[in-house]
N, C-alpha and C. Protein backbone atom coordinates (compact mmCIF):
# COMPACT_ATOMS: atom_id res chain seq x y z
N MET A 1 25.86 -8.95 6.52
CA MET A 1 24.52 -8.43 6.74
C MET A 1 23.65 -8.62 5.51
N ILE A 2 24.16 -8.31 4.34
CA ILE A 2 23.35 -8.43 3.12
C ILE A 2 22.96 -9.89 2.86
N PRO A 3 23.88 -10.85 2.99
CA PRO A 3 23.44 -12.24 2.76
C PRO A 3 22.34 -12.68 3.72
N ASP A 4 22.38 -12.23 4.98
CA ASP A 4 21.34 -12.60 5.93
C ASP A 4 19.99 -12.04 5.51
N ILE A 5 19.96 -10.78 5.08
CA ILE A 5 18.71 -10.17 4.63
C ILE A 5 18.20 -10.88 3.39
N PHE A 6 19.11 -11.17 2.46
CA PHE A 6 18.71 -11.82 1.22
C PHE A 6 18.17 -13.22 1.49
N ASN A 7 18.82 -13.97 2.37
CA ASN A 7 18.33 -15.31 2.72
C ASN A 7 16.96 -15.25 3.37
N LEU A 8 16.76 -14.27 4.24
CA LEU A 8 15.47 -14.09 4.88
C LEU A 8 14.39 -13.79 3.85
N LEU A 9 14.71 -12.92 2.90
CA LEU A 9 13.75 -12.59 1.86
C LEU A 9 13.46 -13.79 0.97
N ILE A 10 14.48 -14.55 0.64
CA ILE A 10 14.29 -15.74 -0.19
C ILE A 10 13.36 -16.72 0.51
N ARG A 11 13.64 -16.99 1.78
CA ARG A 11 12.84 -17.99 2.50
C ARG A 11 11.41 -17.54 2.74
N ASN A 12 11.21 -16.27 3.09
CA ASN A 12 9.88 -15.83 3.49
C ASN A 12 9.07 -15.22 2.38
N CYS A 13 9.70 -14.47 1.49
CA CYS A 13 8.94 -13.71 0.50
C CYS A 13 8.77 -14.46 -0.80
N PHE A 14 9.83 -15.00 -1.35
CA PHE A 14 9.74 -15.66 -2.63
C PHE A 14 8.90 -16.92 -2.56
N VAL A 15 8.91 -17.58 -1.42
CA VAL A 15 8.11 -18.78 -1.27
C VAL A 15 6.63 -18.43 -1.38
N SER A 16 6.25 -17.25 -0.89
CA SER A 16 4.84 -16.87 -0.93
C SER A 16 4.38 -16.57 -2.36
N LEU A 17 5.30 -16.26 -3.26
CA LEU A 17 4.93 -15.99 -4.64
C LEU A 17 4.38 -17.23 -5.33
N TRP A 18 4.88 -18.38 -4.97
CA TRP A 18 4.44 -19.61 -5.63
C TRP A 18 3.41 -20.36 -4.81
N GLY A 19 2.82 -19.72 -3.83
CA GLY A 19 1.71 -20.30 -3.10
C GLY A 19 2.07 -21.35 -2.08
N LYS A 20 3.34 -21.52 -1.79
CA LYS A 20 3.71 -22.52 -0.81
C LYS A 20 3.58 -22.01 0.62
N LYS A 21 3.50 -20.71 0.74
CA LYS A 21 3.35 -20.12 2.07
C LYS A 21 2.41 -18.93 1.95
N ASN A 22 1.58 -18.74 2.92
CA ASN A 22 0.61 -17.65 2.90
C ASN A 22 1.32 -16.33 3.19
N CYS A 23 1.00 -15.28 2.43
CA CYS A 23 1.63 -13.98 2.61
C CYS A 23 1.30 -13.38 3.98
N LYS A 24 0.19 -13.79 4.56
CA LYS A 24 -0.18 -13.25 5.86
C LYS A 24 0.77 -13.73 6.95
N ASP A 25 1.52 -14.78 6.68
CA ASP A 25 2.46 -15.31 7.66
C ASP A 25 3.77 -14.55 7.67
N MET A 26 3.93 -13.60 6.76
CA MET A 26 5.19 -12.88 6.67
C MET A 26 5.34 -11.89 7.81
N ALA A 27 6.56 -11.68 8.23
CA ALA A 27 6.85 -10.74 9.30
C ALA A 27 7.14 -9.36 8.70
N THR A 28 6.99 -8.35 9.52
CA THR A 28 7.31 -7.00 9.10
C THR A 28 8.75 -6.71 9.49
N ILE A 29 9.53 -6.25 8.53
CA ILE A 29 10.93 -5.95 8.76
C ILE A 29 11.17 -4.49 8.44
N THR A 30 11.80 -3.78 9.35
CA THR A 30 12.17 -2.39 9.12
C THR A 30 13.67 -2.34 8.91
N LEU A 31 14.08 -1.78 7.78
CA LEU A 31 15.50 -1.69 7.46
C LEU A 31 15.96 -0.24 7.57
N ASN A 32 17.05 -0.05 8.25
CA ASN A 32 17.72 1.25 8.27
C ASN A 32 19.02 1.08 7.49
N TYR A 33 19.14 1.81 6.40
CA TYR A 33 20.33 1.68 5.58
C TYR A 33 20.71 3.03 5.00
N ASP A 34 21.94 3.12 4.53
CA ASP A 34 22.43 4.34 3.91
C ASP A 34 21.95 4.37 2.47
N ALA A 35 21.04 5.28 2.16
CA ALA A 35 20.45 5.34 0.82
C ALA A 35 21.48 5.73 -0.24
N ARG A 36 22.61 6.25 0.19
CA ARG A 36 23.65 6.61 -0.78
C ARG A 36 24.45 5.40 -1.24
N ASN A 37 24.30 4.27 -0.54
CA ASN A 37 24.99 3.04 -0.94
C ASN A 37 24.24 2.44 -2.12
N LYS A 38 24.85 2.51 -3.29
CA LYS A 38 24.18 2.08 -4.53
C LYS A 38 23.89 0.58 -4.54
N ASN A 39 24.76 -0.23 -3.95
CA ASN A 39 24.54 -1.68 -3.97
C ASN A 39 23.29 -2.07 -3.20
N ILE A 40 23.13 -1.52 -2.02
CA ILE A 40 21.96 -1.86 -1.21
C ILE A 40 20.70 -1.28 -1.84
N SER A 41 20.79 -0.05 -2.33
CA SER A 41 19.62 0.56 -2.97
C SER A 41 19.18 -0.25 -4.19
N THR A 42 20.14 -0.71 -4.99
CA THR A 42 19.82 -1.52 -6.16
C THR A 42 19.21 -2.85 -5.75
N LEU A 43 19.78 -3.49 -4.75
CA LEU A 43 19.27 -4.78 -4.28
C LEU A 43 17.82 -4.63 -3.80
N LEU A 44 17.56 -3.60 -3.02
CA LEU A 44 16.20 -3.40 -2.51
C LEU A 44 15.22 -3.06 -3.63
N SER A 45 15.66 -2.27 -4.60
CA SER A 45 14.74 -1.94 -5.70
C SER A 45 14.44 -3.16 -6.55
N VAL A 46 15.42 -4.04 -6.75
CA VAL A 46 15.18 -5.27 -7.51
C VAL A 46 14.19 -6.17 -6.77
N ILE A 47 14.37 -6.30 -5.48
CA ILE A 47 13.47 -7.13 -4.68
C ILE A 47 12.05 -6.56 -4.72
N MET A 48 11.92 -5.24 -4.62
CA MET A 48 10.59 -4.62 -4.67
C MET A 48 9.97 -4.76 -6.05
N ASP A 49 10.79 -4.64 -7.12
CA ASP A 49 10.27 -4.77 -8.47
C ASP A 49 9.78 -6.18 -8.77
N LEU A 50 10.38 -7.17 -8.14
CA LEU A 50 9.95 -8.56 -8.34
C LEU A 50 8.60 -8.83 -7.68
N GLY A 51 8.18 -7.94 -6.82
CA GLY A 51 6.91 -8.13 -6.13
C GLY A 51 7.03 -9.06 -4.94
N ALA A 52 8.24 -9.33 -4.52
CA ALA A 52 8.44 -10.24 -3.40
C ALA A 52 8.09 -9.61 -2.08
N VAL A 53 8.14 -8.29 -2.03
CA VAL A 53 7.86 -7.58 -0.79
C VAL A 53 6.66 -6.69 -1.01
N PRO A 54 5.55 -6.97 -0.36
CA PRO A 54 4.40 -6.08 -0.52
C PRO A 54 4.67 -4.74 0.15
N VAL A 55 4.36 -3.68 -0.54
CA VAL A 55 4.57 -2.34 -0.01
C VAL A 55 3.23 -1.82 0.48
N ASN A 56 3.18 -1.49 1.74
CA ASN A 56 1.94 -0.97 2.32
C ASN A 56 1.76 0.48 1.92
N LYS A 57 0.65 0.77 1.27
CA LYS A 57 0.34 2.14 0.89
C LYS A 57 -0.34 2.81 2.07
N PRO A 58 0.00 4.06 2.32
CA PRO A 58 -0.69 4.73 3.43
C PRO A 58 -2.16 4.90 3.13
N ARG A 59 -2.99 4.58 4.11
CA ARG A 59 -4.43 4.68 3.93
C ARG A 59 -4.85 6.13 4.07
N LYS A 60 -5.85 6.52 3.29
CA LYS A 60 -6.39 7.86 3.39
C LYS A 60 -7.30 7.95 4.60
N THR A 61 -7.24 9.08 5.27
CA THR A 61 -8.16 9.31 6.38
C THR A 61 -9.50 9.75 5.83
N GLY A 62 -10.50 9.75 6.67
CA GLY A 62 -11.83 10.18 6.25
C GLY A 62 -11.83 11.63 5.78
N LEU A 63 -11.03 12.46 6.44
CA LEU A 63 -10.94 13.86 6.05
C LEU A 63 -10.33 14.00 4.65
N ASP A 64 -9.28 13.23 4.38
CA ASP A 64 -8.66 13.27 3.05
C ASP A 64 -9.64 12.83 1.97
N GLU A 65 -10.42 11.79 2.25
CA GLU A 65 -11.42 11.33 1.28
C GLU A 65 -12.50 12.38 1.06
N ALA A 66 -12.92 13.05 2.14
CA ALA A 66 -13.95 14.08 2.04
C ALA A 66 -13.44 15.27 1.22
N LEU A 67 -12.20 15.68 1.45
CA LEU A 67 -11.63 16.79 0.69
C LEU A 67 -11.50 16.44 -0.79
N GLU A 68 -11.17 15.18 -1.07
CA GLU A 68 -11.09 14.73 -2.46
C GLU A 68 -12.47 14.75 -3.12
N ASP A 69 -13.49 14.36 -2.38
CA ASP A 69 -14.86 14.42 -2.90
C ASP A 69 -15.26 15.84 -3.25
N VAL A 70 -14.90 16.79 -2.40
CA VAL A 70 -15.22 18.19 -2.66
C VAL A 70 -14.50 18.68 -3.92
N LYS A 71 -13.22 18.33 -4.06
CA LYS A 71 -12.45 18.75 -5.23
C LYS A 71 -13.01 18.19 -6.52
N LYS A 72 -13.50 16.96 -6.47
CA LYS A 72 -14.01 16.30 -7.68
C LYS A 72 -15.50 16.55 -7.90
N GLY A 73 -16.12 17.35 -7.05
CA GLY A 73 -17.52 17.70 -7.24
C GLY A 73 -18.51 16.62 -6.90
N ARG A 74 -18.16 15.72 -6.02
CA ARG A 74 -19.06 14.64 -5.63
C ARG A 74 -19.82 14.98 -4.35
N VAL A 75 -20.16 16.26 -4.19
CA VAL A 75 -20.88 16.72 -3.01
C VAL A 75 -22.20 17.32 -3.46
N TYR A 76 -23.28 16.93 -2.83
CA TYR A 76 -24.61 17.39 -3.19
C TYR A 76 -25.26 18.06 -1.98
N SER A 77 -26.19 18.96 -2.26
CA SER A 77 -26.90 19.61 -1.15
C SER A 77 -28.39 19.66 -1.48
N ALA A 78 -29.17 19.73 -0.44
CA ALA A 78 -30.62 19.82 -0.58
C ALA A 78 -31.15 20.77 0.49
N LYS A 79 -32.23 21.48 0.15
CA LYS A 79 -32.75 22.44 1.12
C LYS A 79 -33.65 21.79 2.17
N ASP A 80 -34.25 20.64 1.84
CA ASP A 80 -35.05 19.92 2.82
C ASP A 80 -35.10 18.44 2.44
N ALA A 81 -35.81 17.66 3.24
CA ALA A 81 -35.86 16.21 3.04
C ALA A 81 -36.55 15.84 1.72
N LYS A 82 -37.59 16.59 1.35
CA LYS A 82 -38.31 16.27 0.10
C LYS A 82 -37.41 16.47 -1.12
N SER A 83 -36.63 17.56 -1.11
CA SER A 83 -35.74 17.79 -2.25
C SER A 83 -34.60 16.76 -2.27
N LEU A 84 -34.17 16.31 -1.10
CA LEU A 84 -33.13 15.27 -1.03
C LEU A 84 -33.64 13.97 -1.62
N ILE A 85 -34.87 13.59 -1.27
CA ILE A 85 -35.47 12.36 -1.82
C ILE A 85 -35.66 12.49 -3.32
N ALA A 86 -36.08 13.67 -3.77
CA ALA A 86 -36.26 13.88 -5.20
C ALA A 86 -34.94 13.76 -5.95
N GLN A 87 -33.86 14.27 -5.36
CA GLN A 87 -32.54 14.13 -5.99
C GLN A 87 -32.11 12.67 -6.04
N CYS A 88 -32.38 11.93 -4.99
CA CYS A 88 -31.99 10.51 -4.96
C CYS A 88 -32.75 9.69 -5.98
N LEU A 89 -33.99 10.04 -6.25
CA LEU A 89 -34.81 9.27 -7.18
C LEU A 89 -34.54 9.62 -8.65
N GLN A 90 -33.79 10.66 -8.89
CA GLN A 90 -33.50 11.05 -10.29
C GLN A 90 -32.47 10.15 -10.90
């Protein structure tokens, strides 16, 4: 099983590092493995550290972004349209 996964990663991922293949052509692979197995965990961490496998970061929702804006003080208020325009022009 491990040699098959490694060969697949070599053919599809490492080739994209040197520009011979477009990263958009890569397939999505979901692996289910025993995280207590040190050999597989080490192999996967080495592959991820090499940058051969792009890791998708979870995107923030609009609500999460809005809550972050409130926490960082990036929220403004105005009592009417004239005061809003005056704030924008400052």
